[in-house]
Structures are given as structure tokens and as C-alpha cells.
Amino acid sequence: MQRTNGTSVFHWLFPFVYFKSKSLGGLKLKTFIEILQPIRKKKPPSFWERGGEAKLYTSKGSQRELVDNMIAYTLPGKEFKLAKFKCLEGSKEAKTWDIASKLFPLRLHHLFTSDKLSSIDTVATGVYVFYSFTKQKFYVGRSGKADLKSRLQNHFQNKENEFHIFNYRLCKEPKEAHDLECALYHLLPDHLRINKEHPSAFEGKKCPFCETSV
């Protein structure tokens, strides 16, 4: 394996492999091999050997993209592809869409545990994204008030949700959380989203991306 490119890529990949293995029943070598097998088919040993294609991934950005693609190989079903938003570059909506899209890469997610939740500010407002390895879908949500930690704890206590890993972002105000949740909802295609209903409106404000005001 190439010392720089390959090492960096697998440094980002293995937390996801560890989380998935742990969430699906245990840290067993067989489980690790099963998770990595789809990646091996797409990126065989020759890819990583000295002089292989991995040498082309020299920048951090290209390496992160490679990791995201490798993780996508392990996800069953249809292609993992976020929706695109047609909007004037530099607009407020475009910035919100971009911020929301950065919450989805599974290499950035945390294991959904009580220890991780204990580190979150008790009075924080924000948005969150869950991923379920068993349902193979995402769930998005927000805290409309300064109760992000308690919202996450409620989800944690409801074992029927089967949420295994998550990511979140703190927001300065409820309106920001509302707009980000709307972006998160619209970014996901139906086959990857547990949420069926559009996010609720904040004080009658319409969704910035579809004009929904429910």
C-alpha cells in the first residue's frame, strides 16, 4: 500500500468500518471482511500498490472524495447521490444547501452513544442526521428550541429507531435550524430518507427550497 495516499484514505475509512461492525453485532474479523469486500471489488490490491491508481489521489480533497466513494460501495441498493440545488451562486439558500450537504458524509459521523451525547451543550439549538445500518436510510431533524441534547437523548432511548451513527451542527437561532433541516430533507432522495413528511414550518416561514409552509 502506498504509504501516504493509502494510509490517509484508510485512516478516514476505518472509523466507519468499526462503527458499522459494532452496530451490526460485534467486532469480528468476519464482519470486517464482509464490510470491506465491496470496496475490494471496486478498488483491488493493484489500485493500492506502488505505481497504482491511488497515486493520483494526492490532495486531501481528492482523498476525502475517494473515501466517500468507498463507503458508498458498502451501501446496498440504489446509488448514493444527493440532490442538487439550482440557485444563484452566493445566495443565502445556496450557502445553506452547501452547509447541509457537509453533514452527510458517513466518514464524519459519530457512534450514537450516551457518552457522545453527554458532550453536547445542554442548551444548544441545532440540526442532526442519523443513519441506520439496518434500515440503510437517513433520518433528519432539528431542535426548534435550545434543547438539541434532549431531542437526541429521546431518539437514543427509542430503540425502535435503530439509529447507529449520527452527525449534528449547532445553530445560532431556530430559523437557521429550520432552513438547514429543510435543506437536509430535500438533499436526500426518497429511497434514502426515513422521513416521509416535510419539516414543520417555523413561525409560518416557508421552506426556502420548495415554498412549503406546513
C-alpha atoms as a PDB file:
ATOM      1  CA  MET A   1       0.000   0.000   0.000  1.00  0.00           C
ATOM      2  CA  GLN A   2       1.256   3.476  -0.829  1.00  0.00           C
ATOM      3  CA  ARG A   3       2.438   4.997   2.424  1.00  0.00           C
ATOM      4  CA  THR A   4       0.919   8.462   2.099  1.00  0.00           C
ATOM      5  CA  ASN A   5      -2.222   8.246  -0.030  1.00  0.00           C
ATOM      6  CA  GLY A   6      -3.320   4.777   1.073  1.00  0.00           C
ATOM      7  CA  THR A   7      -2.606   5.412   4.747  1.00  0.00           C
ATOM      8  CA  SER A   8      -4.605   8.656   4.776  1.00  0.00           C
ATOM      9  CA  VAL A   9      -7.568   7.086   2.996  1.00  0.00           C
ATOM     10  CA  PHE A  10      -7.817   4.106   5.323  1.00  0.00           C
ATOM     11  CA  HIS A  11      -7.310   6.353   8.354  1.00  0.00           C
ATOM     12  CA  TRP A  12     -10.611   8.048   7.389  1.00  0.00           C
ATOM     13  CA  LEU A  13     -12.323   4.836   6.309  1.00  0.00           C
ATOM     14  CA  PHE A  14     -11.789   2.595   9.318  1.00  0.00           C
ATOM     15  CA  PRO A  15     -13.876   4.508  11.880  1.00  0.00           C
ATOM     16  CA  PHE A  16     -16.877   3.893   9.606  1.00  0.00           C
ATOM     17  CA  VAL A  17     -15.971   0.197   9.276  1.00  0.00           C
ATOM     18  CA  TYR A  18     -15.574  -0.058  13.046  1.00  0.00           C
ATOM     19  CA  PHE A  19     -18.910   1.695  13.715  1.00  0.00           C
ATOM     20  CA  LYS A  20     -20.767  -0.471  11.216  1.00  0.00           C
ATOM     21  CA  SER A  21     -19.270  -3.684  12.556  1.00  0.00           C
ATOM     22  CA  LYS A  22     -20.015  -2.729  16.163  1.00  0.00           C
ATOM     23  CA  SER A  23     -23.578  -1.672  15.300  1.00  0.00           C
ATOM     24  CA  LEU A  24     -24.362  -4.896  13.468  1.00  0.00           C
ATOM     25  CA  GLY A  25     -23.454  -7.248  16.265  1.00  0.00           C
ATOM     26  CA  GLY A  26     -19.819  -7.262  17.163  1.00  0.00           C
ATOM     27  CA  LEU A  27     -16.196  -6.605  16.287  1.00  0.00           C
ATOM     28  CA  LYS A  28     -15.470  -9.811  14.420  1.00  0.00           C
ATOM     29  CA  LEU A  29     -12.920 -10.351  11.673  1.00  0.00           C
ATOM     30  CA  LYS A  30     -15.601 -11.958   9.504  1.00  0.00           C
ATOM     31  CA  THR A  31     -17.764  -8.831   9.773  1.00  0.00           C
ATOM     32  CA  PHE A  32     -14.832  -6.570   8.871  1.00  0.00           C
ATOM     33  CA  ILE A  33     -14.100  -8.676   5.793  1.00  0.00           C
ATOM     34  CA  GLU A  34     -17.759  -8.631   4.710  1.00  0.00           C
ATOM     35  CA  ILE A  35     -17.893  -4.833   5.019  1.00  0.00           C
ATOM     36  CA  LEU A  36     -14.658  -4.348   3.073  1.00  0.00           C
ATOM     37  CA  GLN A  37     -15.436  -6.878   0.328  1.00  0.00           C
ATOM     38  CA  PRO A  38     -17.438  -4.480  -1.910  1.00  0.00           C
ATOM     39  CA  ILE A  39     -14.570  -1.996  -1.669  1.00  0.00           C
ATOM     40  CA  ARG A  40     -12.036  -4.638  -2.674  1.00  0.00           C
ATOM     41  CA  LYS A  41     -14.067  -5.421  -5.785  1.00  0.00           C
ATOM     42  CA  LYS A  42     -14.030  -1.769  -6.867  1.00  0.00           C
ATOM     43  CA  LYS A  43     -10.532  -0.958  -5.633  1.00  0.00           C
ATOM     44  CA  PRO A  44      -8.464  -4.204  -5.816  1.00  0.00           C
ATOM     45  CA  PRO A  45      -4.964  -4.578  -4.333  1.00  0.00           C
ATOM     46  CA  SER A  46      -3.408  -3.372  -7.599  1.00  0.00           C
ATOM     47  CA  PHE A  47      -5.088   0.003  -7.024  1.00  0.00           C
ATOM     48  CA  TRP A  48      -3.080   0.473  -3.817  1.00  0.00           C
ATOM     49  CA  GLU A  49       0.270  -0.922  -4.935  1.00  0.00           C
ATOM     50  CA  ARG A  50       3.200   1.377  -5.657  1.00  0.00           C
ATOM     51  CA  GLY A  51       2.535   2.878  -9.057  1.00  0.00           C
ATOM     52  CA  GLY A  52      -1.188   2.053  -8.835  1.00  0.00           C
ATOM     53  CA  GLU A  53      -4.073   4.450  -9.394  1.00  0.00           C
ATOM     54  CA  ALA A  54      -4.073   5.517  -5.744  1.00  0.00           C
ATOM     55  CA  LYS A  55      -1.059   7.693  -6.529  1.00  0.00           C
ATOM     56  CA  LEU A  56      -3.386  10.086  -8.362  1.00  0.00           C
ATOM     57  CA  TYR A  57      -5.189  10.993  -5.129  1.00  0.00           C
ATOM     58  CA  THR A  58      -2.649  13.430  -3.740  1.00  0.00           C
ATOM     59  CA  SER A  59      -4.819  16.211  -2.312  1.00  0.00           C
ATOM     60  CA  LYS A  60      -6.874  15.977   0.873  1.00  0.00           C
ATOM     61  CA  GLY A  61      -9.994  16.833  -1.123  1.00  0.00           C
ATOM     62  CA  SER A  62      -9.490  14.011  -3.617  1.00  0.00           C
ATOM     63  CA  GLN A  63      -8.711  11.579  -0.793  1.00  0.00           C
ATOM     64  CA  ARG A  64     -11.898  12.534   1.057  1.00  0.00           C
ATOM     65  CA  GLU A  65     -13.891  12.026  -2.138  1.00  0.00           C
ATOM     66  CA  LEU A  66     -12.270   8.601  -2.576  1.00  0.00           C
ATOM     67  CA  VAL A  67     -13.225   7.626   0.986  1.00  0.00           C
ATOM     68  CA  ASP A  68     -16.822   8.753   0.434  1.00  0.00           C
ATOM     69  CA  ASN A  69     -16.988   6.665  -2.737  1.00  0.00           C
ATOM     70  CA  MET A  70     -15.547   3.641  -0.945  1.00  0.00           C
ATOM     71  CA  ILE A  71     -18.134   3.951   1.813  1.00  0.00           C
ATOM     72  CA  ALA A  72     -20.862   4.253  -0.825  1.00  0.00           C
ATOM     73  CA  TYR A  73     -19.725   0.888  -2.262  1.00  0.00           C
ATOM     74  CA  THR A  74     -20.708  -0.741   1.049  1.00  0.00           C
ATOM     75  CA  LEU A  75     -24.253   0.643   0.957  1.00  0.00           C
ATOM     76  CA  PRO A  76     -26.781  -1.642  -0.739  1.00  0.00           C
ATOM     77  CA  GLY A  77     -29.466  -0.609  -3.150  1.00  0.00           C
ATOM     78  CA  LYS A  78     -29.524   2.372  -5.426  1.00  0.00           C
ATOM     79  CA  GLU A  79     -26.663   4.796  -5.919  1.00  0.00           C
ATOM     80  CA  PHE A  80     -25.966   7.173  -3.053  1.00  0.00           C
ATOM     81  CA  LYS A  81     -26.335  10.571  -4.638  1.00  0.00           C
ATOM     82  CA  LEU A  82     -27.515  13.815  -3.044  1.00  0.00           C
ATOM     83  CA  ALA A  83     -29.832  16.160  -4.890  1.00  0.00           C
ATOM     84  CA  LYS A  84     -28.506  19.346  -6.457  1.00  0.00           C
ATOM     85  CA  PHE A  85     -29.997  22.770  -5.869  1.00  0.00           C
ATOM     86  CA  LYS A  86     -30.308  25.150  -8.797  1.00  0.00           C
ATOM     87  CA  CYS A  87     -29.793  28.575  -7.338  1.00  0.00           C
ATOM     88  CA  LEU A  88     -27.706  31.637  -7.964  1.00  0.00           C
ATOM     89  CA  GLU A  89     -24.209  31.085  -6.639  1.00  0.00           C
ATOM     90  CA  GLY A  90     -23.538  33.054  -3.492  1.00  0.00           C
ATOM     91  CA  SER A  91     -27.180  33.276  -2.416  1.00  0.00           C
ATOM     92  CA  LYS A  92     -28.244  32.574   1.163  1.00  0.00           C
ATOM     93  CA  GLU A  93     -30.108  29.453   0.042  1.00  0.00           C
ATOM     94  CA  ALA A  94     -27.057  28.129  -1.813  1.00  0.00           C
ATOM     95  CA  LYS A  95     -24.912  28.603   1.301  1.00  0.00           C
ATOM     96  CA  THR A  96     -27.478  26.796   3.471  1.00  0.00           C
ATOM     97  CA  TRP A  97     -27.629  23.936   0.952  1.00  0.00           C
ATOM     98  CA  ASP A  98     -23.840  23.634   0.942  1.00  0.00           C
ATOM     99  CA  ILE A  99     -23.612  23.599   4.760  1.00  0.00           C
ATOM    100  CA  ALA A 100     -26.313  20.921   4.974  1.00  0.00           C
ATOM    101  CA  SER A 101     -24.639  18.699   2.378  1.00  0.00           C
ATOM    102  CA  LYS A 102     -21.491  18.561   4.507  1.00  0.00           C
ATOM    103  CA  LEU A 103     -23.385  16.778   7.304  1.00  0.00           C
ATOM    104  CA  PHE A 104     -23.998  13.636   5.218  1.00  0.00           C
ATOM    105  CA  PRO A 105     -20.563  12.061   4.567  1.00  0.00           C
ATOM    106  CA  LEU A 106     -20.556   8.978   6.797  1.00  0.00           C
ATOM    107  CA  ARG A 107     -16.810   9.323   7.434  1.00  0.00           C
ATOM    108  CA  LEU A 108     -17.727  12.327   9.613  1.00  0.00           C
ATOM    109  CA  HIS A 109     -20.424  10.600  11.677  1.00  0.00           C
ATOM    110  CA  HIS A 110     -20.114   9.646  15.335  1.00  0.00           C
ATOM    111  CA  LEU A 111     -21.180   6.427  17.011  1.00  0.00           C
ATOM    112  CA  PHE A 112     -24.590   7.106  18.582  1.00  0.00           C
ATOM    113  CA  THR A 113     -23.812   6.518  22.264  1.00  0.00           C
ATOM    114  CA  SER A 114     -24.759   8.129  25.572  1.00  0.00           C
ATOM    115  CA  ASP A 115     -21.102   9.092  26.092  1.00  0.00           C
ATOM    116  CA  LYS A 116     -21.085  11.115  22.878  1.00  0.00           C
ATOM    117  CA  LEU A 117     -24.378  12.800  23.766  1.00  0.00           C
ATOM    118  CA  SER A 118     -23.033  13.838  27.156  1.00  0.00           C
ATOM    119  CA  SER A 119     -20.530  16.125  25.428  1.00  0.00           C
ATOM    120  CA  ILE A 120     -23.245  18.218  23.717  1.00  0.00           C
ATOM    121  CA  ASP A 121     -24.258  21.550  25.237  1.00  0.00           C
ATOM    122  CA  THR A 122     -27.498  21.181  27.206  1.00  0.00           C
ATOM    123  CA  VAL A 123     -28.997  24.422  25.863  1.00  0.00           C
ATOM    124  CA  ALA A 124     -27.868  24.130  22.237  1.00  0.00           C
ATOM    125  CA  THR A 125     -30.061  24.587  19.176  1.00  0.00           C
ATOM    126  CA  GLY A 126     -29.230  22.686  16.013  1.00  0.00           C
ATOM    127  CA  VAL A 127     -29.906  20.054  13.364  1.00  0.00           C
ATOM    128  CA  TYR A 128     -28.990  16.386  13.228  1.00  0.00           C
ATOM    129  CA  VAL A 129     -28.653  13.486  10.813  1.00  0.00           C
ATOM    130  CA  PHE A 130     -28.939   9.815  11.793  1.00  0.00           C
ATOM    131  CA  TYR A 131     -28.006   6.785   9.735  1.00  0.00           C
ATOM    132  CA  SER A 132     -29.375   3.295  10.363  1.00  0.00           C
ATOM    133  CA  PHE A 133     -27.268   0.375   9.167  1.00  0.00           C
ATOM    134  CA  THR A 134     -30.245  -1.976   9.429  1.00  0.00           C
ATOM    135  CA  LYS A 135     -32.740   0.254   7.612  1.00  0.00           C
ATOM    136  CA  GLN A 136     -29.999   1.602   5.311  1.00  0.00           C
ATOM    137  CA  LYS A 137     -31.523   5.073   5.408  1.00  0.00           C
ATOM    138  CA  PHE A 138     -31.061   8.526   6.933  1.00  0.00           C
ATOM    139  CA  TYR A 139     -33.278  10.459   9.302  1.00  0.00           C
ATOM    140  CA  VAL A 140     -33.002  14.244   9.651  1.00  0.00           C
ATOM    141  CA  GLY A 141     -34.337  16.548  12.352  1.00  0.00           C
ATOM    142  CA  ARG A 142     -33.876  19.758  14.313  1.00  0.00           C
ATOM    143  CA  SER A 143     -34.362  21.261  17.736  1.00  0.00           C
ATOM    144  CA  GLY A 144     -36.595  24.292  17.417  1.00  0.00           C
ATOM    145  CA  LYS A 145     -35.634  25.439  20.887  1.00  0.00           C
ATOM    146  CA  ALA A 146     -32.434  25.213  22.917  1.00  0.00           C
ATOM    147  CA  ASP A 147     -32.983  21.507  23.510  1.00  0.00           C
ATOM    148  CA  LEU A 148     -30.781  19.697  20.985  1.00  0.00           C
ATOM    149  CA  LYS A 149     -29.281  17.414  23.615  1.00  0.00           C
ATOM    150  CA  SER A 150     -32.660  16.292  24.986  1.00  0.00           C
ATOM    151  CA  ARG A 151     -34.000  15.680  21.452  1.00  0.00           C
ATOM    152  CA  LEU A 152     -31.032  13.450  20.695  1.00  0.00           C
ATOM    153  CA  GLN A 153     -31.412  11.655  24.020  1.00  0.00           C
ATOM    154  CA  ASN A 154     -35.084  10.953  23.251  1.00  0.00           C
ATOM    155  CA  HIS A 155     -34.073   9.375  19.951  1.00  0.00           C
ATOM    156  CA  PHE A 156     -31.381   7.370  21.734  1.00  0.00           C
ATOM    157  CA  GLN A 157     -33.876   5.980  24.245  1.00  0.00           C
ATOM    158  CA  ASN A 158     -36.280   4.888  21.490  1.00  0.00           C
ATOM    159  CA  LYS A 159     -34.581   1.667  20.380  1.00  0.00           C
ATOM    160  CA  GLU A 160     -37.169   1.111  17.640  1.00  0.00           C
ATOM    161  CA  ASN A 161     -35.441   3.856  15.652  1.00  0.00           C
ATOM    162  CA  GLU A 162     -32.353   1.683  15.160  1.00  0.00           C
ATOM    163  CA  PHE A 163     -30.128   4.712  14.656  1.00  0.00           C
ATOM    164  CA  HIS A 164     -26.454   3.768  14.829  1.00  0.00           C
ATOM    165  CA  ILE A 165     -24.347   6.781  13.826  1.00  0.00           C
ATOM    166  CA  PHE A 166     -25.086  10.488  13.633  1.00  0.00           C
ATOM    167  CA  ASN A 167     -23.804  13.954  12.844  1.00  0.00           C
ATOM    168  CA  TYR A 168     -25.044  17.333  14.002  1.00  0.00           C
ATOM    169  CA  ARG A 169     -24.480  21.068  13.679  1.00  0.00           C
ATOM    170  CA  LEU A 170     -25.177  23.803  16.201  1.00  0.00           C
ATOM    171  CA  CYS A 171     -27.259  26.790  15.062  1.00  0.00           C
ATOM    172  CA  LYS A 172     -27.436  30.334  16.355  1.00  0.00           C
ATOM    173  CA  GLU A 173     -31.227  30.586  16.100  1.00  0.00           C
ATOM    174  CA  PRO A 174     -34.318  28.425  15.394  1.00  0.00           C
ATOM    175  CA  LYS A 175     -34.807  29.940  11.918  1.00  0.00           C
ATOM    176  CA  GLU A 176     -31.333  28.784  10.910  1.00  0.00           C
ATOM    177  CA  ALA A 177     -32.126  25.283  12.203  1.00  0.00           C
ATOM    178  CA  HIS A 178     -35.409  25.283  10.243  1.00  0.00           C
ATOM    179  CA  ASP A 179     -33.708  26.233   6.961  1.00  0.00           C
ATOM    180  CA  LEU A 180     -30.946  23.676   7.447  1.00  0.00           C
ATOM    181  CA  GLU A 181     -33.416  20.898   8.230  1.00  0.00           C
ATOM    182  CA  CYS A 182     -35.352  21.764   5.063  1.00  0.00           C
ATOM    183  CA  ALA A 183     -32.124  21.533   3.066  1.00  0.00           C
ATOM    184  CA  LEU A 184     -31.251  18.193   4.689  1.00  0.00           C
ATOM    185  CA  TYR A 185     -34.702  16.861   3.808  1.00  0.00           C
ATOM    186  CA  HIS A 186     -34.519  17.934   0.162  1.00  0.00           C
ATOM    187  CA  LEU A 187     -30.924  16.775  -0.306  1.00  0.00           C
ATOM    188  CA  LEU A 188     -31.907  13.146   0.272  1.00  0.00           C
ATOM    189  CA  PRO A 189     -33.728  11.104  -2.389  1.00  0.00           C
ATOM    190  CA  ASP A 190     -36.831   9.297  -1.135  1.00  0.00           C
ATOM    191  CA  HIS A 191     -35.189   5.870  -1.090  1.00  0.00           C
ATOM    192  CA  LEU A 192     -32.536   7.079   1.378  1.00  0.00           C
ATOM    193  CA  ARG A 193     -34.782   9.073   3.731  1.00  0.00           C
ATOM    194  CA  ILE A 194     -36.798   7.699   6.648  1.00  0.00           C
ATOM    195  CA  ASN A 195     -38.673  10.998   6.996  1.00  0.00           C
ATOM    196  CA  LYS A 196     -41.850  10.965   4.937  1.00  0.00           C
ATOM    197  CA  GLU A 197     -43.260  14.349   5.945  1.00  0.00           C
ATOM    198  CA  HIS A 198     -41.729  17.698   5.105  1.00  0.00           C
ATOM    199  CA  PRO A 199     -40.140  19.503   8.104  1.00  0.00           C
ATOM    200  CA  SER A 200     -42.625  21.619  10.035  1.00  0.00           C
ATOM    201  CA  ALA A 201     -42.607  25.361   9.458  1.00  0.00           C
ATOM    202  CA  PHE A 202     -41.029  27.817  11.874  1.00  0.00           C
ATOM    203  CA  GLU A 203     -43.421  30.632  12.812  1.00  0.00           C
ATOM    204  CA  GLY A 204     -45.191  30.336   9.470  1.00  0.00           C
ATOM    205  CA  LYS A 205     -41.985  30.710   7.444  1.00  0.00           C
ATOM    206  CA  LYS A 206     -41.936  28.884   4.123  1.00  0.00           C
ATOM    207  CA  CYS A 207     -39.342  26.322   3.135  1.00  0.00           C
ATOM    208  CA  PRO A 208     -36.543  28.127   1.235  1.00  0.00           C
ATOM    209  CA  PHE A 209     -36.395  25.301  -1.293  1.00  0.00           C
ATOM    210  CA  CYS A 210     -39.996  24.383  -2.130  1.00  0.00           C
ATOM    211  CA  GLU A 211     -42.241  27.100  -0.650  1.00  0.00           C
ATOM    212  CA  THR A 212     -43.896  24.590   1.725  1.00  0.00           C
ATOM    213  CA  SER A 213     -45.302  26.271   4.818  1.00  0.00           C
ATOM    214  CA  VAL A 214     -46.841  23.308   6.705  1.00  0.00           C
END
